[in-house]
Amino acid sequence: MTQATAKPQATTKPQGVSHRPPNGHDRRCHYRVDDQLYFEFKPVDPKTLRQQQACELFAQPSERTLLKELNKLEEEGQVLLRDIAKDHRSIAIYLSLLNRKTQLIAQQLCQEQNAQHTVQLNLSEGGLAFQHASALNVGDYVAVTLGLEEDAWHLYLYGRIVRSLPAVPSGYQIAIAFCDLDAEQQKLLTRRVFKKQMQSHRRKHGIEESPQ
């Protein structure tokens, strides 16, 4: 990635892409939380935005695919597990423990794979901010992959650079506004932000986290 100045520049909005935050609200209305997540981004041009989905631009490790399939199977099995628990509670508990054991193994594989891409950032339902070694052009578009393996969710989004300012002691503070979130993406972001708010509230008031 080449070094770019942080000076804002005029850009032409690509057809079919909205710069507005979800639900038409101003970004300042969103709650912002500090978080540590798997994060990568790639600069894209307006043509890519119109013609490709963000997920097509990132390699998806086999470990992440495995975790996704395991979560899908677990969801499908919950109904059966509840039926078993009605007559055989001990068996249901044992099967739940086996499910949890498998999940922990898959999560560990993903965490080892993704450790180098885990970044401290500031997250909201409308965008994110993070520190980067070089400046980015305000107005440019990026594809973003964002997620947390322990909660078994991963997002592939498009965004637009809305801020690129020098940071202390070095680097640049970059802010990205998400573009055209769908309902499922919005739900996952809302859930994550809410969870981090609750964790912050508990720490502030000295309340211990309940076991997962």
N, C-alpha and C. Protein backbone atom coordinates (compact mmCIF):
# COMPACT_ATOMS: atom_id res chain seq x y z
N MET A 1 0.84 -1.19 0.00
CA MET A 1 0.00 0.00 0.00
C MET A 1 0.89 1.25 0.00
N THR A 2 0.62 2.13 -0.89
CA THR A 2 1.46 3.31 -1.00
C THR A 2 1.05 4.35 0.01
N GLN A 3 2.03 5.16 0.42
CA GLN A 3 1.78 6.25 1.36
C GLN A 3 0.91 7.30 0.70
N ALA A 4 -0.12 7.76 1.41
CA ALA A 4 -1.01 8.78 0.86
C ALA A 4 -1.19 9.88 1.87
N THR A 5 -1.48 11.06 1.40
CA THR A 5 -1.70 12.17 2.32
C THR A 5 -3.06 12.05 2.96
N ALA A 6 -3.20 12.70 4.11
CA ALA A 6 -4.46 12.65 4.84
C ALA A 6 -5.40 13.75 4.41
N LYS A 7 -5.02 14.56 3.40
CA LYS A 7 -5.84 15.68 2.97
C LYS A 7 -7.11 15.19 2.31
N PRO A 8 -8.31 15.62 2.78
CA PRO A 8 -9.55 15.18 2.16
C PRO A 8 -9.57 15.56 0.69
N GLN A 9 -10.17 14.68 -0.12
CA GLN A 9 -10.28 15.00 -1.53
C GLN A 9 -11.66 14.66 -2.03
N ALA A 10 -12.09 15.40 -3.03
CA ALA A 10 -13.42 15.21 -3.57
C ALA A 10 -13.48 13.89 -4.32
N THR A 11 -14.56 13.15 -4.16
CA THR A 11 -14.74 11.90 -4.88
C THR A 11 -16.13 11.85 -5.47
N THR A 12 -16.30 11.03 -6.47
CA THR A 12 -17.60 10.83 -7.07
C THR A 12 -18.25 9.61 -6.48
N LYS A 13 -19.44 9.73 -5.99
CA LYS A 13 -20.14 8.64 -5.36
C LYS A 13 -20.56 7.63 -6.41
N PRO A 14 -20.12 6.34 -6.29
CA PRO A 14 -20.51 5.35 -7.27
C PRO A 14 -22.00 5.08 -7.23
N GLN A 15 -22.59 4.84 -8.39
CA GLN A 15 -24.01 4.60 -8.46
C GLN A 15 -24.38 3.35 -7.70
N GLY A 16 -25.45 3.42 -6.92
CA GLY A 16 -25.94 2.26 -6.18
C GLY A 16 -25.30 2.06 -4.83
N VAL A 17 -24.40 2.96 -4.41
CA VAL A 17 -23.76 2.84 -3.11
C VAL A 17 -24.14 4.02 -2.25
N SER A 18 -24.66 3.75 -1.06
CA SER A 18 -25.08 4.81 -0.15
C SER A 18 -23.99 5.11 0.85
N HIS A 19 -23.77 6.40 1.12
CA HIS A 19 -22.80 6.79 2.16
C HIS A 19 -23.48 6.94 3.51
N ARG A 20 -24.79 6.88 3.52
CA ARG A 20 -25.50 7.12 4.77
C ARG A 20 -25.36 5.95 5.73
N PRO A 21 -25.25 6.23 7.03
CA PRO A 21 -25.21 5.16 8.02
C PRO A 21 -26.53 4.41 8.01
N PRO A 22 -26.58 3.19 8.60
CA PRO A 22 -27.80 2.40 8.63
C PRO A 22 -28.97 3.17 9.21
N ASN A 23 -30.16 2.94 8.63
CA ASN A 23 -31.40 3.55 9.09
C ASN A 23 -31.41 5.07 8.96
N GLY A 24 -30.45 5.64 8.25
CA GLY A 24 -30.46 7.07 8.00
C GLY A 24 -30.02 7.92 9.18
N HIS A 25 -29.53 7.33 10.25
CA HIS A 25 -29.11 8.10 11.42
C HIS A 25 -27.70 8.63 11.22
N ASP A 26 -27.39 9.74 11.81
CA ASP A 26 -26.04 10.28 11.80
C ASP A 26 -25.14 9.38 12.62
N ARG A 27 -23.89 9.19 12.17
CA ARG A 27 -22.96 8.30 12.85
C ARG A 27 -22.74 8.70 14.30
N ARG A 28 -22.88 10.00 14.60
CA ARG A 28 -22.63 10.46 15.97
C ARG A 28 -23.66 9.91 16.94
N CYS A 29 -24.80 9.39 16.42
CA CYS A 29 -25.85 8.87 17.29
C CYS A 29 -25.55 7.45 17.74
N HIS A 30 -24.57 6.80 17.14
CA HIS A 30 -24.27 5.42 17.47
C HIS A 30 -23.37 5.34 18.71
N TYR A 31 -23.63 4.32 19.53
CA TYR A 31 -22.73 4.04 20.64
C TYR A 31 -21.42 3.52 20.09
N ARG A 32 -20.32 3.92 20.71
CA ARG A 32 -19.00 3.47 20.29
C ARG A 32 -18.36 2.73 21.46
N VAL A 33 -17.73 1.60 21.14
CA VAL A 33 -17.10 0.77 22.17
C VAL A 33 -15.70 0.39 21.71
N ASP A 34 -14.80 0.25 22.67
CA ASP A 34 -13.46 -0.26 22.37
C ASP A 34 -13.53 -1.78 22.30
N ASP A 35 -12.89 -2.35 21.29
CA ASP A 35 -12.99 -3.79 21.09
C ASP A 35 -11.69 -4.31 20.49
N GLN A 36 -11.49 -5.60 20.57
CA GLN A 36 -10.34 -6.25 19.97
C GLN A 36 -10.85 -7.37 19.07
N LEU A 37 -10.72 -7.19 17.76
CA LEU A 37 -11.35 -8.07 16.80
C LEU A 37 -10.39 -8.46 15.68
N TYR A 38 -10.73 -9.55 14.99
CA TYR A 38 -10.06 -9.90 13.75
C TYR A 38 -10.43 -8.82 12.73
N PHE A 39 -9.43 -8.24 12.06
CA PHE A 39 -9.72 -7.11 11.17
C PHE A 39 -8.71 -7.06 10.03
N GLU A 40 -9.23 -6.99 8.82
CA GLU A 40 -8.43 -6.73 7.64
C GLU A 40 -9.21 -5.79 6.73
N PHE A 41 -8.48 -5.04 5.92
CA PHE A 41 -9.17 -4.21 4.92
C PHE A 41 -8.35 -4.16 3.65
N LYS A 42 -9.05 -3.91 2.54
CA LYS A 42 -8.40 -3.80 1.23
C LYS A 42 -9.01 -2.62 0.48
N PRO A 43 -8.18 -1.75 -0.11
CA PRO A 43 -8.72 -0.67 -0.94
C PRO A 43 -9.43 -1.26 -2.16
N VAL A 44 -10.57 -0.67 -2.53
CA VAL A 44 -11.32 -1.11 -3.70
C VAL A 44 -11.76 0.11 -4.51
N ASP A 45 -12.06 -0.12 -5.78
CA ASP A 45 -12.58 0.96 -6.62
C ASP A 45 -14.10 0.87 -6.69
N PRO A 46 -14.76 1.93 -7.13
CA PRO A 46 -16.24 1.93 -7.19
C PRO A 46 -16.81 0.79 -8.03
N LYS A 47 -16.11 0.38 -9.09
CA LYS A 47 -16.60 -0.70 -9.94
C LYS A 47 -16.70 -2.00 -9.15
N THR A 48 -15.68 -2.29 -8.35
CA THR A 48 -15.69 -3.49 -7.51
C THR A 48 -16.85 -3.46 -6.53
N LEU A 49 -17.11 -2.28 -5.98
CA LEU A 49 -18.21 -2.11 -5.03
C LEU A 49 -19.54 -2.52 -5.65
N ARG A 50 -19.73 -2.17 -6.92
CA ARG A 50 -21.00 -2.43 -7.60
C ARG A 50 -21.12 -3.88 -8.06
N GLN A 51 -20.00 -4.52 -8.36
CA GLN A 51 -20.05 -5.80 -9.06
C GLN A 51 -19.69 -7.01 -8.22
N GLN A 52 -19.07 -6.82 -7.07
CA GLN A 52 -18.65 -7.95 -6.25
C GLN A 52 -19.09 -7.80 -4.80
N GLN A 53 -19.30 -8.93 -4.16
CA GLN A 53 -19.55 -8.92 -2.72
C GLN A 53 -18.22 -8.87 -1.99
N ALA A 54 -18.21 -8.22 -0.83
CA ALA A 54 -16.97 -8.04 -0.08
C ALA A 54 -16.33 -9.38 0.29
N CYS A 55 -17.14 -10.40 0.54
CA CYS A 55 -16.61 -11.70 0.96
C CYS A 55 -15.77 -12.35 -0.14
N GLU A 56 -16.00 -11.96 -1.39
CA GLU A 56 -15.26 -12.55 -2.51
C GLU A 56 -13.81 -12.06 -2.57
N LEU A 57 -13.50 -11.01 -1.83
CA LEU A 57 -12.18 -10.39 -1.91
C LEU A 57 -11.21 -10.90 -0.85
N PHE A 58 -11.69 -11.76 0.05
CA PHE A 58 -10.85 -12.28 1.12
C PHE A 58 -10.82 -13.80 1.09
N ALA A 59 -9.64 -14.36 1.33
CA ALA A 59 -9.52 -15.80 1.47
C ALA A 59 -10.17 -16.23 2.78
N GLN A 60 -10.91 -17.30 2.75
CA GLN A 60 -11.56 -17.80 3.96
C GLN A 60 -10.87 -19.09 4.39
N PRO A 61 -10.08 -19.03 5.48
CA PRO A 61 -9.34 -20.21 5.94
C PRO A 61 -10.25 -21.39 6.21
N SER A 62 -9.73 -22.58 6.01
CA SER A 62 -10.52 -23.80 6.23
C SER A 62 -11.00 -23.90 7.67
N GLU A 63 -10.20 -23.36 8.62
CA GLU A 63 -10.60 -23.43 10.03
C GLU A 63 -11.88 -22.63 10.27
N ARG A 64 -11.97 -21.46 9.62
CA ARG A 64 -13.17 -20.63 9.79
C ARG A 64 -14.39 -21.29 9.16
N THR A 65 -14.19 -21.93 8.01
CA THR A 65 -15.28 -22.64 7.36
C THR A 65 -15.77 -23.79 8.24
N LEU A 66 -14.81 -24.48 8.87
CA LEU A 66 -15.16 -25.56 9.78
C LEU A 66 -16.01 -25.05 10.94
N LEU A 67 -15.59 -23.93 11.55
CA LEU A 67 -16.32 -23.37 12.68
C LEU A 67 -17.72 -22.96 12.27
N LYS A 68 -17.84 -22.37 11.09
CA LYS A 68 -19.15 -21.95 10.58
C LYS A 68 -20.08 -23.14 10.42
N GLU A 69 -19.57 -24.24 9.86
CA GLU A 69 -20.38 -25.43 9.66
C GLU A 69 -20.75 -26.08 10.99
N LEU A 70 -19.82 -26.07 11.94
CA LEU A 70 -20.13 -26.63 13.26
C LEU A 70 -21.24 -25.85 13.95
N ASN A 71 -21.19 -24.53 13.84
CA ASN A 71 -22.24 -23.70 14.44
C ASN A 71 -23.60 -23.96 13.79
N LYS A 72 -23.57 -24.16 12.48
CA LYS A 72 -24.81 -24.45 11.76
C LYS A 72 -25.40 -25.77 12.23
N LEU A 73 -24.54 -26.79 12.37
CA LEU A 73 -25.00 -28.09 12.84
C LEU A 73 -25.54 -28.02 14.27
N GLU A 74 -24.88 -27.22 15.10
CA GLU A 74 -25.34 -27.08 16.48
C GLU A 74 -26.73 -26.45 16.54
N GLU A 75 -26.95 -25.43 15.72
CA GLU A 75 -28.27 -24.79 15.68
C GLU A 75 -29.34 -25.78 15.24
N GLU A 76 -29.02 -26.59 14.22
CA GLU A 76 -29.98 -27.57 13.71
C GLU A 76 -30.26 -28.65 14.76
N GLY A 77 -29.27 -28.95 15.61
CA GLY A 77 -29.44 -30.01 16.59
C GLY A 77 -30.11 -29.58 17.88
N GLN A 78 -30.31 -28.28 18.07
CA GLN A 78 -30.88 -27.81 19.33
C GLN A 78 -32.29 -28.34 19.58
N VAL A 79 -33.09 -28.45 18.53
CA VAL A 79 -34.46 -28.96 18.68
C VAL A 79 -34.44 -30.41 19.14
N LEU A 80 -33.58 -31.20 18.50
CA LEU A 80 -33.45 -32.61 18.90
C LEU A 80 -32.94 -32.73 20.33
N LEU A 81 -32.00 -31.87 20.69
CA LEU A 81 -31.43 -31.92 22.04
C LEU A 81 -32.50 -31.61 23.08
N ARG A 82 -33.36 -30.65 22.79
CA ARG A 82 -34.45 -30.32 23.74
C ARG A 82 -35.42 -31.49 23.89
N ASP A 83 -35.69 -32.19 22.77
CA ASP A 83 -36.59 -33.35 22.84
C ASP A 83 -35.97 -34.47 23.68
N ILE A 84 -34.67 -34.69 23.50
CA ILE A 84 -33.97 -35.73 24.28
C ILE A 84 -34.00 -35.38 25.76
N ALA A 85 -33.82 -34.08 26.07
CA ALA A 85 -33.75 -33.64 27.47
C ALA A 85 -35.06 -33.88 28.22
N LYS A 86 -36.18 -33.95 27.50
CA LYS A 86 -37.47 -34.16 28.17
C LYS A 86 -37.52 -35.51 28.88
N ASP A 87 -36.89 -36.54 28.26
CA ASP A 87 -36.94 -37.88 28.83
C ASP A 87 -35.59 -38.37 29.34
N HIS A 88 -34.51 -37.78 28.82
CA HIS A 88 -33.18 -38.26 29.19
C HIS A 88 -32.26 -37.06 29.44
N ARG A 89 -32.43 -36.45 30.57
CA ARG A 89 -31.71 -35.21 30.87
C ARG A 89 -30.19 -35.44 30.90
N SER A 90 -29.75 -36.56 31.46
CA SER A 90 -28.32 -36.84 31.57
C SER A 90 -27.69 -36.99 30.18
N ILE A 91 -28.38 -37.66 29.29
CA ILE A 91 -27.87 -37.82 27.93
C ILE A 91 -27.77 -36.47 27.23
N ALA A 92 -28.77 -35.63 27.41
CA ALA A 92 -28.77 -34.31 26.80
C ALA A 92 -27.61 -33.46 27.30
N ILE A 93 -27.34 -33.55 28.60
CA ILE A 93 -26.22 -32.80 29.17
C ILE A 93 -24.91 -33.30 28.59
N TYR A 94 -24.77 -34.61 28.48
CA TYR A 94 -23.55 -35.19 27.93
C TYR A 94 -23.33 -34.75 26.48
N LEU A 95 -24.38 -34.77 25.66
CA LEU A 95 -24.29 -34.34 24.26
C LEU A 95 -23.93 -32.85 24.17
N SER A 96 -24.46 -32.06 25.09
CA SER A 96 -24.12 -30.63 25.11
C SER A 96 -22.64 -30.43 25.42
N LEU A 97 -22.11 -31.24 26.34
CA LEU A 97 -20.69 -31.15 26.66
C LEU A 97 -19.82 -31.54 25.46
N LEU A 98 -20.24 -32.54 24.72
CA LEU A 98 -19.51 -32.93 23.52
C LEU A 98 -19.52 -31.81 22.47
N ASN A 99 -20.67 -31.17 22.32
CA ASN A 99 -20.77 -30.04 21.39
C ASN A 99 -19.81 -28.93 21.80
N ARG A 100 -19.79 -28.63 23.08
CA ARG A 100 -18.93 -27.56 23.59
C ARG A 100 -17.45 -27.91 23.38
N LYS A 101 -17.11 -29.17 23.60
CA LYS A 101 -15.74 -29.62 23.41
C LYS A 101 -15.30 -29.43 21.96
N THR A 102 -16.15 -29.80 21.03
CA THR A 102 -15.84 -29.64 19.60
C THR A 102 -15.69 -28.17 19.24
N GLN A 103 -16.55 -27.33 19.79
CA GLN A 103 -16.49 -25.88 19.53
C GLN A 103 -15.17 -25.29 20.02
N LEU A 104 -14.75 -25.70 21.19
CA LEU A 104 -13.50 -25.16 21.76
C LEU A 104 -12.30 -25.54 20.90
N ILE A 105 -12.28 -26.76 20.38
CA ILE A 105 -11.18 -27.18 19.51
C ILE A 105 -11.16 -26.34 18.24
N ALA A 106 -12.32 -26.14 17.62
CA ALA A 106 -12.39 -25.36 16.39
C ALA A 106 -12.01 -23.90 16.64
N GLN A 107 -12.45 -23.35 17.75
CA GLN A 107 -12.13 -21.96 18.08
C GLN A 107 -10.63 -21.78 18.28
N GLN A 108 -10.00 -22.75 18.92
CA GLN A 108 -8.56 -22.66 19.14
C GLN A 108 -7.81 -22.66 17.82
N LEU A 109 -8.24 -23.49 16.88
CA LEU A 109 -7.62 -23.51 15.55
C LEU A 109 -7.73 -22.15 14.87
N CYS A 110 -8.92 -21.55 14.98
CA CYS A 110 -9.14 -20.25 14.35
C CYS A 110 -8.33 -19.16 15.03
N GLN A 111 -8.23 -19.20 16.35
CA GLN A 111 -7.50 -18.17 17.07
C GLN A 111 -6.02 -18.19 16.71
N GLU A 112 -5.46 -19.39 16.57
CA GLU A 112 -4.06 -19.49 16.19
C GLU A 112 -3.83 -18.95 14.79
N GLN A 113 -4.78 -19.19 13.89
CA GLN A 113 -4.67 -18.73 12.52
C GLN A 113 -4.80 -17.21 12.41
N ASN A 114 -5.66 -16.63 13.27
CA ASN A 114 -6.03 -15.22 13.10
C ASN A 114 -5.33 -14.28 14.08
N ALA A 115 -4.45 -14.77 14.94
CA ALA A 115 -3.84 -13.94 15.97
C ALA A 115 -3.13 -12.73 15.38
N GLN A 116 -2.46 -12.89 14.23
CA GLN A 116 -1.71 -11.78 13.65
C GLN A 116 -2.60 -10.69 13.10
N HIS A 117 -3.89 -10.96 12.91
CA HIS A 117 -4.81 -9.97 12.36
C HIS A 117 -5.75 -9.39 13.41
N THR A 118 -5.52 -9.70 14.68
CA THR A 118 -6.36 -9.15 15.75
C THR A 118 -5.91 -7.72 16.05
N VAL A 119 -6.86 -6.79 16.03
CA VAL A 119 -6.55 -5.36 16.14
C VAL A 119 -7.42 -4.71 17.20
N GLN A 120 -6.83 -3.78 17.93
CA GLN A 120 -7.59 -2.95 18.88
C GLN A 120 -8.24 -1.83 18.08
N LEU A 121 -9.57 -1.70 18.19
CA LEU A 121 -10.27 -0.67 17.43
C LEU A 121 -11.47 -0.15 18.20
N ASN A 122 -12.08 0.89 17.65
CA ASN A 122 -13.28 1.50 18.22
C ASN A 122 -14.43 1.20 17.28
N LEU A 123 -15.47 0.54 17.78
CA LEU A 123 -16.53 0.01 16.93
C LEU A 123 -17.88 0.64 17.25
N SER A 124 -18.67 0.88 16.22
CA SER A 124 -20.06 1.28 16.38
C SER A 124 -20.89 0.54 15.34
N GLU A 125 -22.20 0.74 15.37
CA GLU A 125 -23.06 0.09 14.39
C GLU A 125 -22.90 0.71 13.00
N GLY A 126 -22.28 1.89 12.93
CA GLY A 126 -22.14 2.57 11.65
C GLY A 126 -20.74 2.58 11.09
N GLY A 127 -19.74 2.14 11.87
CA GLY A 127 -18.38 2.18 11.36
C GLY A 127 -17.37 1.80 12.43
N LEU A 128 -16.11 2.07 12.15
CA LEU A 128 -15.05 1.74 13.10
C LEU A 128 -13.88 2.70 12.91
N ALA A 129 -13.02 2.77 13.93
CA ALA A 129 -11.81 3.59 13.88
C ALA A 129 -10.65 2.76 14.40
N PHE A 130 -9.48 2.95 13.81
CA PHE A 130 -8.31 2.18 14.21
C PHE A 130 -7.05 2.96 13.87
N GLN A 131 -5.93 2.55 14.43
CA GLN A 131 -4.65 3.20 14.15
C GLN A 131 -3.92 2.42 13.07
N HIS A 132 -3.35 3.17 12.12
CA HIS A 132 -2.68 2.56 10.98
C HIS A 132 -1.33 3.24 10.77
N ALA A 133 -0.39 2.51 10.22
CA ALA A 133 0.96 3.05 10.06
C ALA A 133 1.03 4.20 9.07
N SER A 134 0.20 4.18 8.05
CA SER A 134 0.24 5.22 7.02
C SER A 134 -1.12 5.87 6.84
N ALA A 135 -1.13 7.03 6.21
CA ALA A 135 -2.38 7.74 5.96
C ALA A 135 -3.14 7.10 4.82
N LEU A 136 -4.47 7.27 4.81
CA LEU A 136 -5.32 6.82 3.72
C LEU A 136 -6.10 8.01 3.18
N ASN A 137 -6.51 7.92 1.94
CA ASN A 137 -7.24 9.03 1.32
C ASN A 137 -8.69 9.07 1.78
N VAL A 138 -9.11 10.19 2.35
CA VAL A 138 -10.50 10.37 2.72
C VAL A 138 -11.35 10.32 1.45
N GLY A 139 -12.42 9.53 1.49
CA GLY A 139 -13.27 9.36 0.33
C GLY A 139 -13.05 8.04 -0.39
N ASP A 140 -11.90 7.40 -0.18
CA ASP A 140 -11.64 6.12 -0.81
C ASP A 140 -12.50 5.02 -0.18
N TYR A 141 -12.75 3.97 -0.97
CA TYR A 141 -13.55 2.84 -0.50
C TYR A 141 -12.65 1.67 -0.14
N VAL A 142 -13.12 0.86 0.83
CA VAL A 142 -12.37 -0.32 1.26
C VAL A 142 -13.34 -1.48 1.48
N ALA A 143 -12.83 -2.69 1.28
CA ALA A 143 -13.53 -3.89 1.70
C ALA A 143 -12.99 -4.27 3.08
N VAL A 144 -13.87 -4.68 3.97
CA VAL A 144 -13.50 -4.95 5.36
C VAL A 144 -13.97 -6.35 5.75
N THR A 145 -13.10 -7.09 6.43
CA THR A 145 -13.52 -8.32 7.09
C THR A 145 -13.30 -8.13 8.59
N LEU A 146 -14.30 -8.50 9.36
CA LEU A 146 -14.33 -8.18 10.78
C LEU A 146 -14.99 -9.32 11.52
N GLY A 147 -14.42 -9.74 12.66
CA GLY A 147 -15.08 -10.82 13.36
C GLY A 147 -14.43 -11.21 14.67
N LEU A 148 -15.05 -12.18 15.31
CA LEU A 148 -14.56 -12.71 16.59
C LEU A 148 -14.89 -14.19 16.62
N GLU A 149 -13.86 -15.02 16.61
CA GLU A 149 -14.09 -16.45 16.50
C GLU A 149 -14.80 -17.03 17.72
N GLU A 150 -14.52 -16.49 18.90
CA GLU A 150 -15.12 -17.07 20.11
C GLU A 150 -16.62 -16.88 20.14
N ASP A 151 -17.13 -15.86 19.44
CA ASP A 151 -18.57 -15.66 19.34
C ASP A 151 -19.12 -16.19 18.03
N ALA A 152 -18.25 -16.78 17.22
CA ALA A 152 -18.66 -17.46 15.98
C ALA A 152 -19.39 -16.53 15.02
N TRP A 153 -18.86 -15.33 14.83
CA TRP A 153 -19.44 -14.47 13.79
C TRP A 153 -18.33 -13.80 13.01
N HIS A 154 -18.65 -13.54 11.73
CA HIS A 154 -17.69 -12.89 10.86
C HIS A 154 -18.45 -12.07 9.83
N LEU A 155 -17.98 -10.85 9.59
CA LEU A 155 -18.65 -9.95 8.66
C LEU A 155 -17.72 -9.58 7.51
N TYR A 156 -18.31 -9.42 6.34
CA TYR A 156 -17.60 -8.90 5.18
C TYR A 156 -18.39 -7.69 4.69
N LEU A 157 -17.76 -6.51 4.73
CA LEU A 157 -18.46 -5.26 4.50
C LEU A 157 -17.69 -4.37 3.52
N TYR A 158 -18.41 -3.39 3.00
CA TYR A 158 -17.75 -2.29 2.30
C TYR A 158 -17.84 -1.05 3.17
N GLY A 159 -16.83 -0.20 3.08
CA GLY A 159 -16.83 1.04 3.85
C GLY A 159 -16.13 2.14 3.08
N ARG A 160 -16.19 3.33 3.64
CA ARG A 160 -15.58 4.51 3.03
C ARG A 160 -14.73 5.21 4.08
N ILE A 161 -13.53 5.61 3.70
CA ILE A 161 -12.65 6.34 4.62
C ILE A 161 -13.23 7.74 4.85
N VAL A 162 -13.52 8.06 6.11
CA VAL A 162 -14.09 9.37 6.43
C VAL A 162 -13.16 10.22 7.29
N ARG A 163 -12.07 9.62 7.80
CA ARG A 163 -11.11 10.40 8.58
C ARG A 163 -9.74 9.75 8.50
N SER A 164 -8.70 10.56 8.36
CA SER A 164 -7.32 10.09 8.35
C SER A 164 -6.46 11.20 8.92
N LEU A 165 -6.16 11.09 10.22
CA LEU A 165 -5.46 12.15 10.93
C LEU A 165 -4.23 11.60 11.67
N PRO A 166 -3.18 12.41 11.80
CA PRO A 166 -2.00 11.96 12.55
C PRO A 166 -2.37 11.57 13.98
N ALA A 167 -1.77 10.49 14.46
CA ALA A 167 -2.04 10.00 15.81
C ALA A 167 -0.80 10.16 16.66
N VAL A 168 -0.98 10.13 17.98
CA VAL A 168 0.12 10.23 18.94
C VAL A 168 0.38 8.85 19.53
N PRO A 169 1.61 8.38 19.57
CA PRO A 169 2.85 9.09 19.22
C PRO A 169 3.24 8.96 17.75
N SER A 170 2.58 8.04 17.00
CA SER A 170 2.95 7.84 15.61
C SER A 170 1.77 7.25 14.86
N GLY A 171 1.89 7.16 13.54
CA GLY A 171 0.84 6.57 12.73
C GLY A 171 -0.31 7.52 12.48
N TYR A 172 -1.43 6.95 12.06
CA TYR A 172 -2.61 7.74 11.72
C TYR A 172 -3.86 7.10 12.30
N GLN A 173 -4.80 7.95 12.71
CA GLN A 173 -6.10 7.48 13.18
C GLN A 173 -7.04 7.47 11.98
N ILE A 174 -7.50 6.27 11.62
CA ILE A 174 -8.34 6.08 10.45
C ILE A 174 -9.76 5.75 10.89
N ALA A 175 -10.75 6.37 10.26
CA ALA A 175 -12.15 6.05 10.54
C ALA A 175 -12.83 5.60 9.25
N ILE A 176 -13.61 4.53 9.35
CA ILE A 176 -14.33 3.96 8.22
C ILE A 176 -15.82 3.97 8.53
N ALA A 177 -16.63 4.47 7.60
CA ALA A 177 -18.09 4.40 7.71
C ALA A 177 -18.57 3.26 6.83
N PHE A 178 -19.37 2.35 7.38
CA PHE A 178 -19.86 1.22 6.62
C PHE A 178 -20.86 1.66 5.56
N CYS A 179 -20.89 0.94 4.45
CA CYS A 179 -21.81 1.25 3.35
C CYS A 179 -22.86 0.15 3.22
N ASP A 180 -24.12 0.56 3.15
CA ASP A 180 -25.22 -0.34 2.78
C ASP A 180 -25.23 -1.66 3.54
N LEU A 181 -25.31 -1.60 4.85
CA LEU A 181 -25.42 -2.82 5.64
C LEU A 181 -26.77 -3.49 5.41
N ASP A 182 -26.77 -4.83 5.32
CA ASP A 182 -28.05 -5.52 5.25
C ASP A 182 -28.54 -5.82 6.67
N ALA A 183 -29.73 -6.40 6.78
CA ALA A 183 -30.36 -6.59 8.10
C ALA A 183 -29.53 -7.53 8.99
N GLU A 184 -28.96 -8.58 8.40
CA GLU A 184 -28.19 -9.54 9.19
C GLU A 184 -26.89 -8.92 9.70
N GLN A 185 -26.21 -8.17 8.85
CA GLN A 185 -24.98 -7.48 9.27
C GLN A 185 -25.28 -6.49 10.38
N GLN A 186 -26.37 -5.75 10.22
CA GLN A 186 -26.75 -4.77 11.24
C GLN A 186 -27.04 -5.44 12.57
N LYS A 187 -27.72 -6.59 12.52
CA LYS A 187 -28.06 -7.31 13.75
C LYS A 187 -26.80 -7.78 14.48
N LEU A 188 -25.84 -8.32 13.74
CA LEU A 188 -24.61 -8.80 14.35
C LEU A 188 -23.80 -7.67 14.96
N LEU A 189 -23.73 -6.54 14.27
CA LEU A 189 -23.01 -5.39 14.82
C LEU A 189 -23.69 -4.86 16.07
N THR A 190 -25.01 -4.74 16.02
CA THR A 190 -25.76 -4.25 17.17
C THR A 190 -25.55 -5.15 18.38
N ARG A 191 -25.59 -6.46 18.14
CA ARG A 191 -25.40 -7.42 19.22
C ARG A 191 -24.01 -7.31 19.84
N ARG A 192 -22.99 -7.13 18.98
CA ARG A 192 -21.62 -7.03 19.48
C ARG A 192 -21.42 -5.77 20.29
N VAL A 193 -21.90 -4.64 19.78
CA VAL A 193 -21.76 -3.37 20.49
C VAL A 193 -22.48 -3.44 21.84
N PHE A 194 -23.67 -4.02 21.84
CA PHE A 194 -24.43 -4.13 23.09
C PHE A 194 -23.69 -5.00 24.10
N LYS A 195 -23.10 -6.11 23.63
CA LYS A 195 -22.37 -7.00 24.52
C LYS A 195 -21.19 -6.27 25.16
N LYS A 196 -20.44 -5.49 24.35
CA LYS A 196 -19.31 -4.75 24.89
C LYS A 196 -19.76 -3.67 25.87
N GLN A 197 -20.90 -3.05 25.62
CA GLN A 197 -21.45 -2.07 26.56
C GLN A 197 -21.74 -2.73 27.90
N MET A 198 -22.36 -3.90 27.86
CA MET A 198 -22.71 -4.60 29.09
C MET A 198 -21.45 -5.02 29.86
N GLN A 199 -20.43 -5.48 29.13
CA GLN A 199 -19.17 -5.85 29.79
C GLN A 199 -18.52 -4.65 30.46
N SER A 200 -18.54 -3.51 29.76
CA SER A 200 -17.98 -2.29 30.33
C SER A 200 -18.76 -1.86 31.58
N HIS A 201 -20.07 -1.98 31.53
CA HIS A 201 -20.92 -1.62 32.67
C HIS A 201 -20.61 -2.51 33.87
N ARG A 202 -20.45 -3.82 33.62
CA ARG A 202 -20.15 -4.74 34.72
C ARG A 202 -18.81 -4.45 35.36
N ARG A 203 -17.81 -4.18 34.51
CA ARG A 203 -16.48 -3.86 35.06
C ARG A 203 -16.53 -2.58 35.89
N LYS A 204 -17.26 -1.60 35.39
CA LYS A 204 -17.35 -0.32 36.09
C LYS A 204 -17.98 -0.47 37.46
N HIS A 205 -18.93 -1.37 37.58
CA HIS A 205 -19.65 -1.55 38.85
C HIS A 205 -19.18 -2.77 39.62
N GLY A 206 -18.07 -3.38 39.17
CA GLY A 206 -17.50 -4.50 39.89
C GLY A 206 -18.35 -5.75 39.88
N ILE A 207 -19.11 -5.96 38.79
CA ILE A 207 -19.97 -7.13 38.67
C ILE A 207 -19.22 -8.20 37.88
N GLU A 208 -19.15 -9.40 38.40
CA GLU A 208 -18.43 -10.48 37.75
C GLU A 208 -19.21 -10.97 36.54
N GLU A 209 -18.45 -11.35 35.47
CA GLU A 209 -19.08 -11.92 34.28
C GLU A 209 -19.66 -13.28 34.60
N SER A 210 -20.87 -13.52 34.11
CA SER A 210 -21.45 -14.86 34.27
C SER A 210 -20.79 -15.81 33.32
N PRO A 211 -20.61 -17.07 33.68
CA PRO A 211 -19.96 -18.05 32.81
C PRO A 211 -20.76 -18.24 31.53
N GLN A 212 -20.03 -18.43 30.38
CA GLN A 212 -20.68 -18.63 29.10
C GLN A 212 -21.31 -20.02 29.05
